[in-house]
Amino acid sequence: MIKRMLIMLLVVGLVLGAVFGFIAFKNKMIKQYLAEHGHPPQTVSTATARYEEWRSSLRAVGTLKA
């Protein structure tokens, strides 16, 4: 009975160690990739400003509560 328990604990420990080891390895590789490549440059769009008349009121249906 004790031998079975020790084998089970050893197997569970190995499985948990493999899972947490993989997560740590994955995080290390992601950090290494980002350190080498960095973030890509951001795309910026532009538009020419133009003058436009705005209406002084807006028609709407509904209620407004402050």
N, C-alpha and C. Protein backbone atom coordinates (compact mmCIF):
# COMPACT_ATOMS: atom_id res chain seq x y z
N MET A 1 0.83 -1.20 0.00
CA MET A 1 0.00 0.00 0.00
C MET A 1 0.87 1.26 0.00
N ILE A 2 1.90 1.27 0.81
CA ILE A 2 2.79 2.43 0.88
C ILE A 2 3.53 2.61 -0.44
N LYS A 3 3.91 1.48 -1.06
CA LYS A 3 4.63 1.55 -2.32
C LYS A 3 3.76 2.18 -3.40
N ARG A 4 2.48 1.81 -3.45
CA ARG A 4 1.55 2.40 -4.42
C ARG A 4 1.41 3.91 -4.20
N MET A 5 1.31 4.31 -2.95
CA MET A 5 1.16 5.73 -2.62
C MET A 5 2.40 6.50 -3.06
N LEU A 6 3.57 5.97 -2.82
CA LEU A 6 4.80 6.65 -3.22
C LEU A 6 4.90 6.76 -4.75
N ILE A 7 4.53 5.69 -5.45
CA ILE A 7 4.55 5.73 -6.92
C ILE A 7 3.56 6.77 -7.42
N MET A 8 2.36 6.81 -6.85
CA MET A 8 1.34 7.78 -7.26
C MET A 8 1.82 9.21 -7.00
N LEU A 9 2.41 9.46 -5.84
CA LEU A 9 2.91 10.79 -5.52
C LEU A 9 4.05 11.19 -6.46
N LEU A 10 4.90 10.24 -6.80
CA LEU A 10 6.00 10.51 -7.72
C LEU A 10 5.46 10.87 -9.11
N VAL A 11 4.48 10.12 -9.58
CA VAL A 11 3.89 10.39 -10.91
C VAL A 11 3.19 11.75 -10.91
N VAL A 12 2.42 12.04 -9.87
CA VAL A 12 1.73 13.34 -9.79
C VAL A 12 2.76 14.47 -9.73
N GLY A 13 3.82 14.29 -8.97
CA GLY A 13 4.87 15.30 -8.90
C GLY A 13 5.54 15.52 -10.25
N LEU A 14 5.79 14.45 -10.98
CA LEU A 14 6.39 14.58 -12.31
C LEU A 14 5.46 15.29 -13.28
N VAL A 15 4.18 14.96 -13.24
CA VAL A 15 3.21 15.61 -14.14
C VAL A 15 3.11 17.10 -13.81
N LEU A 16 2.96 17.43 -12.53
CA LEU A 16 2.88 18.85 -12.15
C LEU A 16 4.18 19.59 -12.48
N GLY A 17 5.31 18.95 -12.26
CA GLY A 17 6.58 19.56 -12.61
C GLY A 17 6.69 19.82 -14.10
N ALA A 18 6.20 18.88 -14.91
CA ALA A 18 6.23 19.06 -16.37
C ALA A 18 5.33 20.20 -16.79
N VAL A 19 4.14 20.30 -16.21
CA VAL A 19 3.21 21.37 -16.57
C VAL A 19 3.79 22.73 -16.19
N PHE A 20 4.23 22.88 -14.96
CA PHE A 20 4.78 24.17 -14.53
C PHE A 20 6.10 24.48 -15.23
N GLY A 21 6.88 23.46 -15.53
CA GLY A 21 8.11 23.67 -16.28
C GLY A 21 7.82 24.17 -17.69
N PHE A 22 6.79 23.61 -18.33
CA PHE A 22 6.42 24.06 -19.67
C PHE A 22 5.94 25.51 -19.64
N ILE A 23 5.15 25.86 -18.64
CA ILE A 23 4.66 27.25 -18.53
C ILE A 23 5.84 28.20 -18.34
N ALA A 24 6.79 27.84 -17.50
CA ALA A 24 7.96 28.70 -17.28
C ALA A 24 8.79 28.81 -18.56
N PHE A 25 8.96 27.70 -19.27
CA PHE A 25 9.72 27.72 -20.53
C PHE A 25 9.03 28.59 -21.56
N LYS A 26 7.70 28.48 -21.65
CA LYS A 26 6.94 29.29 -22.61
C LYS A 26 7.09 30.78 -22.30
N ASN A 27 6.97 31.16 -21.03
CA ASN A 27 7.12 32.56 -20.65
C ASN A 27 8.53 33.07 -20.96
N LYS A 28 9.54 32.24 -20.73
CA LYS A 28 10.91 32.63 -21.03
C LYS A 28 11.09 32.86 -22.53
N MET A 29 10.53 31.99 -23.35
CA MET A 29 10.67 32.13 -24.80
C MET A 29 9.93 33.36 -25.31
N ILE A 30 8.77 33.67 -24.74
CA ILE A 30 8.03 34.87 -25.15
C ILE A 30 8.82 36.12 -24.80
N LYS A 31 9.39 36.17 -23.60
CA LYS A 31 10.21 37.33 -23.21
C LYS A 31 11.42 37.47 -24.12
N GLN A 32 12.05 36.36 -24.46
CA GLN A 32 13.21 36.40 -25.35
C GLN A 32 12.82 36.91 -26.73
N TYR A 33 11.69 36.45 -27.25
CA TYR A 33 11.23 36.89 -28.57
C TYR A 33 10.95 38.39 -28.58
N LEU A 34 10.25 38.87 -27.55
CA LEU A 34 9.92 40.29 -27.48
C LEU A 34 11.17 41.15 -27.30
N ALA A 35 12.16 40.64 -26.58
CA ALA A 35 13.40 41.39 -26.39
C ALA A 35 14.17 41.51 -27.71
N GLU A 36 14.12 40.48 -28.53
CA GLU A 36 14.84 40.50 -29.80
C GLU A 36 14.12 41.32 -30.86
N HIS A 37 12.81 41.18 -30.92
CA HIS A 37 12.06 41.79 -32.01
C HIS A 37 11.37 43.09 -31.62
N GLY A 38 11.03 43.25 -30.39
CA GLY A 38 10.34 44.47 -29.96
C GLY A 38 8.94 44.54 -30.53
N HIS A 39 8.31 45.65 -30.30
CA HIS A 39 6.96 45.85 -30.80
C HIS A 39 7.03 46.46 -32.19
N PRO A 40 6.11 46.08 -33.08
CA PRO A 40 6.11 46.67 -34.41
C PRO A 40 5.69 48.14 -34.34
N PRO A 41 6.13 48.95 -35.31
CA PRO A 41 5.74 50.37 -35.28
C PRO A 41 4.24 50.51 -35.47
N GLN A 42 3.68 51.52 -34.82
CA GLN A 42 2.25 51.76 -34.90
C GLN A 42 1.89 52.48 -36.19
N THR A 43 0.76 52.12 -36.77
CA THR A 43 0.28 52.78 -37.96
C THR A 43 -0.48 54.03 -37.54
N VAL A 44 -0.19 55.14 -38.20
CA VAL A 44 -0.84 56.41 -37.88
C VAL A 44 -1.52 56.93 -39.14
N SER A 45 -2.79 57.26 -39.02
CA SER A 45 -3.53 57.83 -40.14
C SER A 45 -3.68 59.33 -39.92
N THR A 46 -3.72 60.08 -41.01
CA THR A 46 -3.89 61.52 -40.91
C THR A 46 -5.04 61.97 -41.79
N ALA A 47 -5.58 63.11 -41.47
CA ALA A 47 -6.64 63.71 -42.27
C ALA A 47 -6.45 65.22 -42.24
N THR A 48 -6.82 65.85 -43.32
CA THR A 48 -6.71 67.31 -43.39
C THR A 48 -7.92 67.92 -42.70
N ALA A 49 -7.68 68.90 -41.84
CA ALA A 49 -8.77 69.57 -41.14
C ALA A 49 -9.50 70.48 -42.12
N ARG A 50 -10.81 70.52 -41.99
CA ARG A 50 -11.60 71.40 -42.86
C ARG A 50 -12.72 72.03 -42.05
N TYR A 51 -13.16 73.16 -42.50
CA TYR A 51 -14.22 73.90 -41.83
C TYR A 51 -15.56 73.29 -42.22
N GLU A 52 -16.47 73.19 -41.22
CA GLU A 52 -17.78 72.61 -41.49
C GLU A 52 -18.81 73.29 -40.59
N GLU A 53 -19.97 73.58 -41.12
CA GLU A 53 -21.05 74.17 -40.33
C GLU A 53 -21.75 73.07 -39.53
N TRP A 54 -21.99 73.36 -38.26
CA TRP A 54 -22.70 72.42 -37.41
C TRP A 54 -24.07 72.98 -37.09
N ARG A 55 -25.03 72.08 -37.00
CA ARG A 55 -26.36 72.52 -36.59
C ARG A 55 -26.35 72.80 -35.09
N SER A 56 -27.15 73.77 -34.69
CA SER A 56 -27.17 74.13 -33.27
C SER A 56 -28.09 73.22 -32.46
N SER A 57 -28.89 72.40 -33.11
CA SER A 57 -29.78 71.49 -32.38
C SER A 57 -29.77 70.13 -33.07
N LEU A 58 -30.26 69.15 -32.32
CA LEU A 58 -30.30 67.79 -32.83
C LEU A 58 -31.64 67.19 -32.45
N ARG A 59 -32.33 66.62 -33.41
CA ARG A 59 -33.62 66.00 -33.13
C ARG A 59 -33.38 64.57 -32.69
N ALA A 60 -34.05 64.19 -31.60
CA ALA A 60 -33.89 62.84 -31.07
C ALA A 60 -35.17 62.40 -30.39
N VAL A 61 -35.32 61.11 -30.25
CA VAL A 61 -36.47 60.54 -29.56
C VAL A 61 -35.94 59.89 -28.28
N GLY A 62 -36.59 60.15 -27.16
CA GLY A 62 -36.16 59.55 -25.91
C GLY A 62 -36.17 60.56 -24.79
N THR A 63 -35.63 60.14 -23.66
CA THR A 63 -35.58 61.02 -22.50
C THR A 63 -34.14 61.12 -22.01
N LEU A 64 -33.89 62.18 -21.27
CA LEU A 64 -32.56 62.40 -20.72
C LEU A 64 -32.71 62.73 -19.24
N LYS A 65 -31.95 62.03 -18.41
CA LYS A 65 -31.98 62.29 -16.98
C LYS A 65 -30.58 62.64 -16.53
N ALA A 66 -30.48 63.69 -15.72
CA ALA A 66 -29.16 64.09 -15.23
C ALA A 66 -28.90 63.47 -13.88
